[in-house]
C-alpha atoms as a PDB file:
ATOM      1  CA  MET A   1      55.389 191.239 -20.205  1.00  0.00           C
ATOM      2  CA  THR A   2      54.306 194.681 -19.127  1.00  0.00           C
ATOM      3  CA  ASP A   3      55.208 196.101 -15.478  1.00  0.00           C
ATOM      4  CA  THR A   4      51.498 195.757 -14.550  1.00  0.00           C
ATOM      5  CA  GLU A   5      51.308 192.160 -15.625  1.00  0.00           C
ATOM      6  CA  LEU A   6      54.500 191.416 -13.565  1.00  0.00           C
ATOM      7  CA  TYR A   7      52.732 193.285 -10.576  1.00  0.00           C
ATOM      8  CA  GLU A   8      49.701 190.934 -10.991  1.00  0.00           C
ATOM      9  CA  ARG A   9      51.741 187.736 -10.896  1.00  0.00           C
ATOM     10  CA  ALA A  10      53.280 189.240  -7.617  1.00  0.00           C
ATOM     11  CA  VAL A  11      50.035 189.665  -6.225  1.00  0.00           C
ATOM     12  CA  ALA A  12      48.804 186.240  -7.102  1.00  0.00           C
ATOM     13  CA  ALA A  13      52.024 184.809  -5.425  1.00  0.00           C
ATOM     14  CA  ALA A  14      51.466 186.901  -2.269  1.00  0.00           C
ATOM     15  CA  ALA A  15      48.314 184.754  -1.556  1.00  0.00           C
ATOM     16  CA  ARG A  16      50.754 181.735  -1.027  1.00  0.00           C
ATOM     17  CA  ALA A  17      52.852 183.594   1.716  1.00  0.00           C
ATOM     18  CA  TYR A  18      53.432 182.139   4.978  1.00  0.00           C
ATOM     19  CA  ALA A  19      52.502 184.911   7.148  1.00  0.00           C
ATOM     20  CA  PRO A  20      50.589 183.571  10.423  1.00  0.00           C
ATOM     21  CA  TYR A  21      52.048 186.021  12.849  1.00  0.00           C
ATOM     22  CA  SER A  22      51.659 189.394  11.015  1.00  0.00           C
ATOM     23  CA  LYS A  23      49.179 188.267   8.455  1.00  0.00           C
ATOM     24  CA  TYR A  24      50.860 190.664   5.855  1.00  0.00           C
ATOM     25  CA  HIS A  25      51.199 188.638   2.704  1.00  0.00           C
ATOM     26  CA  VAL A  26      53.902 190.128   0.441  1.00  0.00           C
ATOM     27  CA  GLY A  27      54.689 188.553  -3.119  1.00  0.00           C
ATOM     28  CA  ALA A  28      57.335 189.266  -5.490  1.00  0.00           C
ATOM     29  CA  ALA A  29      57.834 188.181  -9.533  1.00  0.00           C
ATOM     30  CA  ALA A  30      60.779 188.750 -11.317  1.00  0.00           C
ATOM     31  CA  LEU A  31      61.186 188.797 -15.232  1.00  0.00           C
ATOM     32  CA  THR A  32      64.298 187.477 -16.412  1.00  0.00           C
ATOM     33  CA  HIS A  33      66.124 188.700 -19.440  1.00  0.00           C
ATOM     34  CA  ASP A  34      65.401 185.358 -21.251  1.00  0.00           C
ATOM     35  CA  GLY A  35      61.719 185.885 -20.518  1.00  0.00           C
ATOM     36  CA  LYS A  36      60.989 183.401 -17.605  1.00  0.00           C
ATOM     37  CA  VAL A  37      58.922 184.795 -14.699  1.00  0.00           C
ATOM     38  CA  LEU A  38      60.009 183.532 -11.107  1.00  0.00           C
ATOM     39  CA  GLU A  39      58.017 184.223  -7.829  1.00  0.00           C
ATOM     40  CA  GLY A  40      58.877 184.757  -4.480  1.00  0.00           C
ATOM     41  CA  VAL A  41      56.814 185.169  -1.096  1.00  0.00           C
ATOM     42  CA  ASN A  42      57.515 186.197   2.619  1.00  0.00           C
ATOM     43  CA  VAL A  43      57.865 183.533   4.984  1.00  0.00           C
ATOM     44  CA  GLU A  44      57.538 184.232   8.659  1.00  0.00           C
ATOM     45  CA  ASN A  45      58.840 182.344  11.610  1.00  0.00           C
ATOM     46  CA  ALA A  46      58.070 182.341  15.446  1.00  0.00           C
ATOM     47  CA  ALA A  47      61.490 183.324  16.033  1.00  0.00           C
ATOM     48  CA  TYR A  48      61.582 186.824  14.854  1.00  0.00           C
ATOM     49  CA  PRO A  49      63.500 188.124  12.880  1.00  0.00           C
ATOM     50  CA  LEU A  50      64.312 184.753  11.360  1.00  0.00           C
ATOM     51  CA  GLY A  51      61.110 185.324   8.645  1.00  0.00           C
ATOM     52  CA  VAL A  52      62.391 186.060   4.968  1.00  0.00           C
ATOM     53  CA  CYS A  53      60.962 188.747   2.842  1.00  0.00           C
ATOM     54  CA  ALA A  54      59.472 188.113  -0.514  1.00  0.00           C
ATOM     55  CA  GLU A  55      62.337 189.823  -2.408  1.00  0.00           C
ATOM     56  CA  ARG A  56      64.921 187.397  -0.793  1.00  0.00           C
ATOM     57  CA  THR A  57      62.948 184.039  -1.552  1.00  0.00           C
ATOM     58  CA  LEU A  58      62.691 185.490  -4.988  1.00  0.00           C
ATOM     59  CA  LEU A  59      66.206 186.105  -5.472  1.00  0.00           C
ATOM     60  CA  SER A  60      67.493 183.105  -3.647  1.00  0.00           C
ATOM     61  CA  GLY A  61      65.265 180.836  -5.853  1.00  0.00           C
ATOM     62  CA  ALA A  62      66.620 182.652  -8.970  1.00  0.00           C
ATOM     63  CA  VAL A  63      70.093 181.619  -7.846  1.00  0.00           C
ATOM     64  CA  VAL A  64      68.989 178.155  -7.356  1.00  0.00           C
ATOM     65  CA  ALA A  65      67.531 178.171 -10.882  1.00  0.00           C
ATOM     66  CA  GLY A  66      70.764 179.495 -12.568  1.00  0.00           C
ATOM     67  CA  TYR A  67      70.210 183.147 -12.471  1.00  0.00           C
ATOM     68  CA  GLY A  68      72.763 185.816 -11.023  1.00  0.00           C
ATOM     69  CA  PRO A  69      73.509 189.595 -10.859  1.00  0.00           C
ATOM     70  CA  GLY A  70      72.477 191.147 -14.304  1.00  0.00           C
ATOM     71  CA  ASP A  71      70.168 188.391 -15.294  1.00  0.00           C
ATOM     72  CA  ILE A  72      66.770 189.969 -13.919  1.00  0.00           C
ATOM     73  CA  GLU A  73      65.304 192.667 -16.055  1.00  0.00           C
ATOM     74  CA  ALA A  74      62.394 193.725 -13.658  1.00  0.00           C
ATOM     75  CA  VAL A  75      61.027 192.788  -9.939  1.00  0.00           C
ATOM     76  CA  ALA A  76      57.428 193.651  -8.930  1.00  0.00           C
ATOM     77  CA  ILE A  77      56.718 193.552  -5.302  1.00  0.00           C
ATOM     78  CA  THR A  78      53.230 194.035  -3.442  1.00  0.00           C
ATOM     79  CA  ALA A  79      55.088 196.500  -1.006  1.00  0.00           C
ATOM     80  CA  SER A  80      57.611 198.810  -0.769  1.00  0.00           C
ATOM     81  CA  PRO A  81      60.980 196.906  -0.367  1.00  0.00           C
ATOM     82  CA  CYS A  82      62.694 197.352   3.042  1.00  0.00           C
ATOM     83  CA  GLY A  83      66.309 198.612   3.302  1.00  0.00           C
ATOM     84  CA  GLY A  84      67.711 195.123   3.410  1.00  0.00           C
ATOM     85  CA  CYS A  85      66.020 193.916   0.252  1.00  0.00           C
ATOM     86  CA  ARG A  86      66.889 197.179  -1.593  1.00  0.00           C
ATOM     87  CA  GLN A  87      70.491 196.104  -1.018  1.00  0.00           C
ATOM     88  CA  TRP A  88      69.871 192.457  -2.543  1.00  0.00           C
ATOM     89  CA  LEU A  89      68.170 193.844  -5.472  1.00  0.00           C
ATOM     90  CA  TYR A  90      71.028 196.328  -6.134  1.00  0.00           C
ATOM     91  CA  GLU A  91      73.603 193.736  -5.758  1.00  0.00           C
ATOM     92  CA  PHE A  92      71.720 191.542  -8.210  1.00  0.00           C
ATOM     93  CA  LYS A  93      71.419 194.432 -10.622  1.00  0.00           C
ATOM     94  CA  VAL A  94      67.918 194.305 -11.038  1.00  0.00           C
ATOM     95  CA  GLY A  95      67.003 196.836 -13.888  1.00  0.00           C
ATOM     96  CA  ARG A  96      63.846 198.277 -12.491  1.00  0.00           C
ATOM     97  CA  VAL A  97      61.622 197.498  -9.464  1.00  0.00           C
ATOM     98  CA  VAL A  98      57.808 198.060  -9.525  1.00  0.00           C
ATOM     99  CA  PHE A  99      55.714 198.380  -6.435  1.00  0.00           C
ATOM    100  CA  PRO A 100      52.664 200.357  -5.095  1.00  0.00           C
ATOM    101  CA  SER A 101      53.120 203.872  -3.562  1.00  0.00           C
ATOM    102  CA  ALA A 102      50.201 206.158  -2.632  1.00  0.00           C
ATOM    103  CA  GLY A 103      47.639 204.098  -4.749  1.00  0.00           C
ATOM    104  CA  ASP A 104      49.823 203.896  -7.829  1.00  0.00           C
ATOM    105  CA  LEU A 105      52.352 201.660  -9.310  1.00  0.00           C
ATOM    106  CA  VAL A 106      55.914 203.295  -9.363  1.00  0.00           C
ATOM    107  CA  VAL A 107      59.022 202.076 -11.350  1.00  0.00           C
ATOM    108  CA  ARG A 108      62.368 202.752  -9.717  1.00  0.00           C
ATOM    109  CA  THR A 109      66.051 201.752 -10.522  1.00  0.00           C
ATOM    110  CA  THR A 110      67.823 200.027  -7.757  1.00  0.00           C
ATOM    111  CA  ALA A 111      70.040 203.112  -7.584  1.00  0.00           C
ATOM    112  CA  GLU A 112      66.990 205.442  -6.889  1.00  0.00           C
ATOM    113  CA  LEU A 113      65.933 203.116  -4.198  1.00  0.00           C
ATOM    114  CA  LEU A 114      69.224 202.904  -2.511  1.00  0.00           C
ATOM    115  CA  PRO A 115      71.628 205.878  -3.310  1.00  0.00           C
ATOM    116  CA  ASP A 116      75.149 205.215  -2.050  1.00  0.00           C
ATOM    117  CA  ALA A 117      74.566 201.560  -1.754  1.00  0.00           C
ATOM    118  CA  TRP A 118      77.249 198.972  -0.678  1.00  0.00           C
ATOM    119  CA  ASP A 119      78.935 197.981  -3.740  1.00  0.00           C
ATOM    120  CA  ASP A 120      82.031 195.656  -3.577  1.00  0.00           C
ATOM    121  CA  LEU A 121      81.545 194.049  -7.010  1.00  0.00           C
END
């Protein structure tokens, strides 16, 4: 699967986001090293900040499915990841992160997204 195809899966997932307050639908898709594609979406809550970012639902679902740090080759997101999600992506040792920037898709390593990351593993 190409990075563009993975991003298209994230775009499709975004349509299922629960964002009644911000109306900002975010989708994420992960390609695992064994070839599976997992998806996540942002889920808002009236009690801000209890909402959850798409990257976090994606990675939480990956854990439930039996995946852990180092098992995910790439994650595509329909928005630039926030600082907290950059830490999640880093901790799960995601190989590369794909997201839109200035109208183009960019590819970054987690170390590029979060230099000097908290790394206790």
